[in-house]
Amino acid sequence: MPFYKVFSKVGTTMYNKDAYDALKAQYEMKGYTSKKSKYAALGCLSGRSQGHTCKWYVKNGQVVFERIT
């Protein structure tokens, strides 16, 4: 699931916990079980799976995800 379904607009940023919670909720709404949505959300947070839709970096000791397209 690309970040444009969770992040409303380009330039939106989320810390890792907030992004994880939003992604997990989206997967649960699609009918995934709690366990499957947990792992799907974690997989979605990887830089590889996001490709060019986001960048991620560390700021003040927390991982930040930013939607760029």
PDB file of N, CA and C in Angstrom:
ATOM      1  N   MET A   1       0.846  -1.171   0.000  1.00  0.00           N
ATOM      2  CA  MET A   1       0.000   0.000   0.000  1.00  0.00           C
ATOM      3  C   MET A   1       0.896   1.240   0.000  1.00  0.00           C
ATOM      4  N   PRO A   2       0.818   2.056  -1.052  1.00  0.00           N
ATOM      5  CA  PRO A   2       1.666   3.239  -1.098  1.00  0.00           C
ATOM      6  C   PRO A   2       1.237   4.297  -0.089  1.00  0.00           C
ATOM      7  N   PHE A   3       2.151   5.166   0.261  1.00  0.00           N
ATOM      8  CA  PHE A   3       1.866   6.172   1.270  1.00  0.00           C
ATOM      9  C   PHE A   3       0.794   7.167   0.846  1.00  0.00           C
ATOM     10  N   TYR A   4       0.515   7.311  -0.461  1.00  0.00           N
ATOM     11  CA  TYR A   4      -0.504   8.288  -0.846  1.00  0.00           C
ATOM     12  C   TYR A   4      -1.883   7.890  -0.347  1.00  0.00           C
ATOM     13  N   LYS A   5      -2.073   6.649   0.060  1.00  0.00           N
ATOM     14  CA  LYS A   5      -3.352   6.246   0.646  1.00  0.00           C
ATOM     15  C   LYS A   5      -3.428   6.572   2.125  1.00  0.00           C
ATOM     16  N   VAL A   6      -2.276   6.809   2.760  1.00  0.00           N
ATOM     17  CA  VAL A   6      -2.233   7.110   4.187  1.00  0.00           C
ATOM     18  C   VAL A   6      -1.875   8.573   4.418  1.00  0.00           C
ATOM     19  N   PHE A   7      -0.915   9.076   3.654  1.00  0.00           N
ATOM     20  CA  PHE A   7      -0.531  10.483   3.756  1.00  0.00           C
ATOM     21  C   PHE A   7      -1.380  11.280   2.778  1.00  0.00           C
ATOM     22  N   SER A   8      -2.108  12.256   3.276  1.00  0.00           N
ATOM     23  CA  SER A   8      -3.093  12.946   2.452  1.00  0.00           C
ATOM     24  C   SER A   8      -2.499  13.788   1.337  1.00  0.00           C
ATOM     25  N   LYS A   9      -1.296  14.329   1.502  1.00  0.00           N
ATOM     26  CA  LYS A   9      -0.719  15.182   0.460  1.00  0.00           C
ATOM     27  C   LYS A   9       0.795  15.083   0.457  1.00  0.00           C
ATOM     28  N   VAL A  10       1.376  15.528  -0.629  1.00  0.00           N
ATOM     29  CA  VAL A  10       2.828  15.553  -0.759  1.00  0.00           C
ATOM     30  C   VAL A  10       3.384  16.507   0.293  1.00  0.00           C
ATOM     31  N   GLY A  11       4.466  16.109   0.912  1.00  0.00           N
ATOM     32  CA  GLY A  11       5.072  16.921   1.957  1.00  0.00           C
ATOM     33  C   GLY A  11       4.658  16.513   3.357  1.00  0.00           C
ATOM     34  N   THR A  12       3.661  15.640   3.467  1.00  0.00           N
ATOM     35  CA  THR A  12       3.228  15.158   4.772  1.00  0.00           C
ATOM     36  C   THR A  12       4.341  14.315   5.384  1.00  0.00           C
ATOM     37  N   THR A  13       4.601  14.508   6.661  1.00  0.00           N
ATOM     38  CA  THR A  13       5.594  13.692   7.342  1.00  0.00           C
ATOM     39  C   THR A  13       4.956  13.017   8.548  1.00  0.00           C
ATOM     40  N   MET A  14       5.460  11.855   8.885  1.00  0.00           N
ATOM     41  CA  MET A  14       4.996  11.121  10.056  1.00  0.00           C
ATOM     42  C   MET A  14       6.184  10.439  10.703  1.00  0.00           C
ATOM     43  N   TYR A  15       6.174  10.396  12.021  1.00  0.00           N
ATOM     44  CA  TYR A  15       7.172   9.604  12.731  1.00  0.00           C
ATOM     45  C   TYR A  15       6.806   8.136  12.583  1.00  0.00           C
ATOM     46  N   ASN A  16       7.771   7.272  12.819  1.00  0.00           N
ATOM     47  CA  ASN A  16       7.587   5.849  12.543  1.00  0.00           C
ATOM     48  C   ASN A  16       6.366   5.254  13.250  1.00  0.00           C
ATOM     49  N   LYS A  17       6.129   5.587  14.497  1.00  0.00           N
ATOM     50  CA  LYS A  17       4.987   5.007  15.235  1.00  0.00           C
ATOM     51  C   LYS A  17       3.660   5.470  14.637  1.00  0.00           C
ATOM     52  N   ASP A  18       3.560   6.756  14.296  1.00  0.00           N
ATOM     53  CA  ASP A  18       2.321   7.272  13.709  1.00  0.00           C
ATOM     54  C   ASP A  18       2.054   6.666  12.341  1.00  0.00           C
ATOM     55  N   ALA A  19       3.109   6.546  11.530  1.00  0.00           N
ATOM     56  CA  ALA A  19       2.955   5.941  10.208  1.00  0.00           C
ATOM     57  C   ALA A  19       2.548   4.481  10.336  1.00  0.00           C
ATOM     58  N   TYR A  20       3.160   3.767  11.254  1.00  0.00           N
ATOM     59  CA  TYR A  20       2.818   2.362  11.479  1.00  0.00           C
ATOM     60  C   TYR A  20       1.346   2.226  11.883  1.00  0.00           C
ATOM     61  N   ASP A  21       0.898   3.040  12.822  1.00  0.00           N
ATOM     62  CA  ASP A  21      -0.498   2.967  13.271  1.00  0.00           C
ATOM     63  C   ASP A  21      -1.473   3.260  12.133  1.00  0.00           C
ATOM     64  N   ALA A  22      -1.165   4.265  11.313  1.00  0.00           N
ATOM     65  CA  ALA A  22      -2.043   4.616  10.193  1.00  0.00           C
ATOM     66  C   ALA A  22      -2.098   3.499   9.161  1.00  0.00           C
ATOM     67  N   LEU A  23      -0.933   2.924   8.849  1.00  0.00           N
ATOM     68  CA  LEU A  23      -0.901   1.830   7.884  1.00  0.00           C
ATOM     69  C   LEU A  23      -1.621   0.601   8.415  1.00  0.00           C
ATOM     70  N   LYS A  24      -1.406   0.277   9.673  1.00  0.00           N
ATOM     71  CA  LYS A  24      -2.067  -0.887  10.260  1.00  0.00           C
ATOM     72  C   LYS A  24      -3.580  -0.724  10.219  1.00  0.00           C
ATOM     73  N   ALA A  25      -4.065   0.472  10.528  1.00  0.00           N
ATOM     74  CA  ALA A  25      -5.510   0.729  10.487  1.00  0.00           C
ATOM     75  C   ALA A  25      -6.056   0.564   9.066  1.00  0.00           C
ATOM     76  N   GLN A  26      -5.291   1.022   8.061  1.00  0.00           N
ATOM     77  CA  GLN A  26      -5.732   0.875   6.669  1.00  0.00           C
ATOM     78  C   GLN A  26      -5.831  -0.605   6.287  1.00  0.00           C
ATOM     79  N   TYR A  27      -4.860  -1.398   6.689  1.00  0.00           N
ATOM     80  CA  TYR A  27      -4.909  -2.823   6.372  1.00  0.00           C
ATOM     81  C   TYR A  27      -6.051  -3.515   7.100  1.00  0.00           C
ATOM     82  N   GLU A  28      -6.319  -3.121   8.336  1.00  0.00           N
ATOM     83  CA  GLU A  28      -7.440  -3.720   9.065  1.00  0.00           C
ATOM     84  C   GLU A  28      -8.767  -3.363   8.403  1.00  0.00           C
ATOM     85  N   MET A  29      -8.871  -2.140   7.863  1.00  0.00           N
ATOM     86  CA  MET A  29     -10.098  -1.757   7.161  1.00  0.00           C
ATOM     87  C   MET A  29     -10.280  -2.572   5.878  1.00  0.00           C
ATOM     88  N   LYS A  30      -9.181  -3.035   5.308  1.00  0.00           N
ATOM     89  CA  LYS A  30      -9.259  -3.872   4.107  1.00  0.00           C
ATOM     90  C   LYS A  30      -9.592  -5.318   4.427  1.00  0.00           C
ATOM     91  N   GLY A  31      -9.694  -5.655   5.734  1.00  0.00           N
ATOM     92  CA  GLY A  31     -10.089  -6.998   6.109  1.00  0.00           C
ATOM     93  C   GLY A  31      -8.972  -7.896   6.599  1.00  0.00           C
ATOM     94  N   TYR A  32      -7.779  -7.359   6.726  1.00  0.00           N
ATOM     95  CA  TYR A  32      -6.670  -8.156   7.251  1.00  0.00           C
ATOM     96  C   TYR A  32      -6.899  -8.429   8.737  1.00  0.00           C
ATOM     97  N   THR A  33      -6.403  -9.560   9.215  1.00  0.00           N
ATOM     98  CA  THR A  33      -6.445  -9.829  10.649  1.00  0.00           C
ATOM     99  C   THR A  33      -5.438  -8.911  11.339  1.00  0.00           C
ATOM    100  N   SER A  34      -5.516  -8.831  12.654  1.00  0.00           N
ATOM    101  CA  SER A  34      -4.610  -7.954  13.395  1.00  0.00           C
ATOM    102  C   SER A  34      -3.151  -8.346  13.177  1.00  0.00           C
ATOM    103  N   LYS A  35      -2.882  -9.641  13.200  1.00  0.00           N
ATOM    104  CA  LYS A  35      -1.510 -10.111  13.018  1.00  0.00           C
ATOM    105  C   LYS A  35      -1.006  -9.820  11.610  1.00  0.00           C
ATOM    106  N   LYS A  36      -1.841 -10.100  10.595  1.00  0.00           N
ATOM    107  CA  LYS A  36      -1.420  -9.854   9.217  1.00  0.00           C
ATOM    108  C   LYS A  36      -1.259  -8.370   8.935  1.00  0.00           C
ATOM    109  N   SER A  37      -2.131  -7.540   9.503  1.00  0.00           N
ATOM    110  CA  SER A  37      -2.011  -6.097   9.277  1.00  0.00           C
ATOM    111  C   SER A  37      -0.764  -5.539   9.946  1.00  0.00           C
ATOM    112  N   LYS A  38      -0.372  -6.132  11.060  1.00  0.00           N
ATOM    113  CA  LYS A  38       0.855  -5.715  11.750  1.00  0.00           C
ATOM    114  C   LYS A  38       2.062  -5.921  10.846  1.00  0.00           C
ATOM    115  N   TYR A  39       2.194  -7.104  10.282  1.00  0.00           N
ATOM    116  CA  TYR A  39       3.341  -7.399   9.437  1.00  0.00           C
ATOM    117  C   TYR A  39       3.264  -6.677   8.094  1.00  0.00           C
ATOM    118  N   ALA A  40       2.078  -6.487   7.578  1.00  0.00           N
ATOM    119  CA  ALA A  40       1.935  -5.739   6.327  1.00  0.00           C
ATOM    120  C   ALA A  40       2.353  -4.287   6.515  1.00  0.00           C
ATOM    121  N   ALA A  41       1.974  -3.701   7.640  1.00  0.00           N
ATOM    122  CA  ALA A  41       2.350  -2.310   7.923  1.00  0.00           C
ATOM    123  C   ALA A  41       3.858  -2.186   8.105  1.00  0.00           C
ATOM    124  N   LEU A  42       4.461  -3.130   8.810  1.00  0.00           N
ATOM    125  CA  LEU A  42       5.911  -3.095   9.000  1.00  0.00           C
ATOM    126  C   LEU A  42       6.639  -3.230   7.664  1.00  0.00           C
ATOM    127  N   GLY A  43       6.150  -4.100   6.812  1.00  0.00           N
ATOM    128  CA  GLY A  43       6.764  -4.267   5.493  1.00  0.00           C
ATOM    129  C   GLY A  43       6.609  -3.030   4.637  1.00  0.00           C
ATOM    130  N   CYS A  44       5.488  -2.357   4.779  1.00  0.00           N
ATOM    131  CA  CYS A  44       5.231  -1.156   3.991  1.00  0.00           C
ATOM    132  C   CYS A  44       6.163  -0.024   4.382  1.00  0.00           C
ATOM    133  N   LEU A  45       6.649  -0.028   5.601  1.00  0.00           N
ATOM    134  CA  LEU A  45       7.528   1.044   6.055  1.00  0.00           C
ATOM    135  C   LEU A  45       8.953   0.920   5.525  1.00  0.00           C
ATOM    136  N   SER A  46       9.265  -0.160   4.852  1.00  0.00           N
ATOM    137  CA  SER A  46      10.628  -0.298   4.348  1.00  0.00           C
ATOM    138  C   SER A  46      10.835   0.630   3.160  1.00  0.00           C
ATOM    139  N   GLY A  47      12.025   1.174   3.057  1.00  0.00           N
ATOM    140  CA  GLY A  47      12.339   2.058   1.939  1.00  0.00           C
ATOM    141  C   GLY A  47      12.232   1.363   0.606  1.00  0.00           C
ATOM    142  N   ARG A  48      12.511   0.076   0.571  1.00  0.00           N
ATOM    143  CA  ARG A  48      12.425  -0.682  -0.673  1.00  0.00           C
ATOM    144  C   ARG A  48      11.003  -0.769  -1.189  1.00  0.00           C
ATOM    145  N   SER A  49      10.056  -0.999  -0.284  1.00  0.00           N
ATOM    146  CA  SER A  49       8.684  -1.179  -0.745  1.00  0.00           C
ATOM    147  C   SER A  49       8.053   0.144  -1.148  1.00  0.00           C
ATOM    148  N   GLN A  50       8.550   1.267  -0.645  1.00  0.00           N
ATOM    149  CA  GLN A  50       7.965   2.559  -0.988  1.00  0.00           C
ATOM    150  C   GLN A  50       8.528   3.136  -2.279  1.00  0.00           C
ATOM    151  N   GLY A  51       9.715   2.735  -2.652  1.00  0.00           N
ATOM    152  CA  GLY A  51      10.298   3.217  -3.896  1.00  0.00           C
ATOM    153  C   GLY A  51      10.403   4.730  -3.925  1.00  0.00           C
ATOM    154  N   HIS A  52       9.798   5.350  -4.927  1.00  0.00           N
ATOM    155  CA  HIS A  52       9.913   6.791  -5.117  1.00  0.00           C
ATOM    156  C   HIS A  52       8.791   7.598  -4.459  1.00  0.00           C
ATOM    157  N   THR A  53       7.877   6.950  -3.730  1.00  0.00           N
ATOM    158  CA  THR A  53       6.753   7.698  -3.151  1.00  0.00           C
ATOM    159  C   THR A  53       7.099   8.369  -1.842  1.00  0.00           C
ATOM    160  N   CYS A  54       8.217   7.993  -1.222  1.00  0.00           N
ATOM    161  CA  CYS A  54       8.580   8.608   0.045  1.00  0.00           C
ATOM    162  C   CYS A  54      10.070   8.564   0.264  1.00  0.00           C
ATOM    163  N   LYS A  55      10.515   9.358   1.205  1.00  0.00           N
ATOM    164  CA  LYS A  55      11.886   9.235   1.680  1.00  0.00           C
ATOM    165  C   LYS A  55      11.811   9.083   3.182  1.00  0.00           C
ATOM    166  N   TRP A  56      12.803   8.457   3.736  1.00  0.00           N
ATOM    167  CA  TRP A  56      12.824   8.311   5.183  1.00  0.00           C
ATOM    168  C   TRP A  56      14.193   8.642   5.703  1.00  0.00           C
ATOM    169  N   TYR A  57      14.210   9.227   6.885  1.00  0.00           N
ATOM    170  CA  TYR A  57      15.445   9.691   7.497  1.00  0.00           C
ATOM    171  C   TYR A  57      15.279   9.707   9.008  1.00  0.00           C
ATOM    172  N   VAL A  58      16.382   9.871   9.711  1.00  0.00           N
ATOM    173  CA  VAL A  58      16.347   9.901  11.174  1.00  0.00           C
ATOM    174  C   VAL A  58      16.459  11.355  11.631  1.00  0.00           C
ATOM    175  N   LYS A  59      15.542  11.754  12.520  1.00  0.00           N
ATOM    176  CA  LYS A  59      15.543  13.105  13.066  1.00  0.00           C
ATOM    177  C   LYS A  59      15.299  13.006  14.561  1.00  0.00           C
ATOM    178  N   ASN A  60      16.230  13.519  15.337  1.00  0.00           N
ATOM    179  CA  ASN A  60      16.116  13.475  16.803  1.00  0.00           C
ATOM    180  C   ASN A  60      15.901  12.057  17.321  1.00  0.00           C
ATOM    181  N   GLY A  61      16.557  11.090  16.697  1.00  0.00           N
ATOM    182  CA  GLY A  61      16.473   9.718  17.160  1.00  0.00           C
ATOM    183  C   GLY A  61      15.227   8.971  16.748  1.00  0.00           C
ATOM    184  N   GLN A  62      14.365   9.587  15.924  1.00  0.00           N
ATOM    185  CA  GLN A  62      13.169   8.898  15.436  1.00  0.00           C
ATOM    186  C   GLN A  62      13.209   8.830  13.917  1.00  0.00           C
ATOM    187  N   VAL A  63      12.665   7.755  13.379  1.00  0.00           N
ATOM    188  CA  VAL A  63      12.575   7.618  11.935  1.00  0.00           C
ATOM    189  C   VAL A  63      11.393   8.451  11.446  1.00  0.00           C
ATOM    190  N   VAL A  64      11.628   9.242  10.407  1.00  0.00           N
ATOM    191  CA  VAL A  64      10.594  10.091   9.836  1.00  0.00           C
ATOM    192  C   VAL A  64      10.344   9.666   8.407  1.00  0.00           C
ATOM    193  N   PHE A  65       9.078   9.533   8.032  1.00  0.00           N
ATOM    194  CA  PHE A  65       8.680   9.212   6.666  1.00  0.00           C
ATOM    195  C   PHE A  65       8.036  10.442   6.055  1.00  0.00           C
ATOM    196  N   GLU A  66       8.455  10.794   4.835  1.00  0.00           N
ATOM    197  CA  GLU A  66       7.905  11.957   4.158  1.00  0.00           C
ATOM    198  C   GLU A  66       7.406  11.554   2.779  1.00  0.00           C
ATOM    199  N   ARG A  67       6.183  11.913   2.471  1.00  0.00           N
ATOM    200  CA  ARG A  67       5.638  11.622   1.143  1.00  0.00           C
ATOM    201  C   ARG A  67       6.187  12.658   0.183  1.00  0.00           C
ATOM    202  N   ILE A  68       6.772  12.201  -0.920  1.00  0.00           N
ATOM    203  CA  ILE A  68       7.379  13.137  -1.864  1.00  0.00           C
ATOM    204  C   ILE A  68       6.697  13.126  -3.228  1.00  0.00           C
ATOM    205  N   THR A  69       5.863  12.137  -3.531  1.00  0.00           N
ATOM    206  CA  THR A  69       5.125  12.160  -4.805  1.00  0.00           C
ATOM    207  C   THR A  69       3.708  11.711  -4.582  1.00  0.00           C
TER     208      THR A  69
END
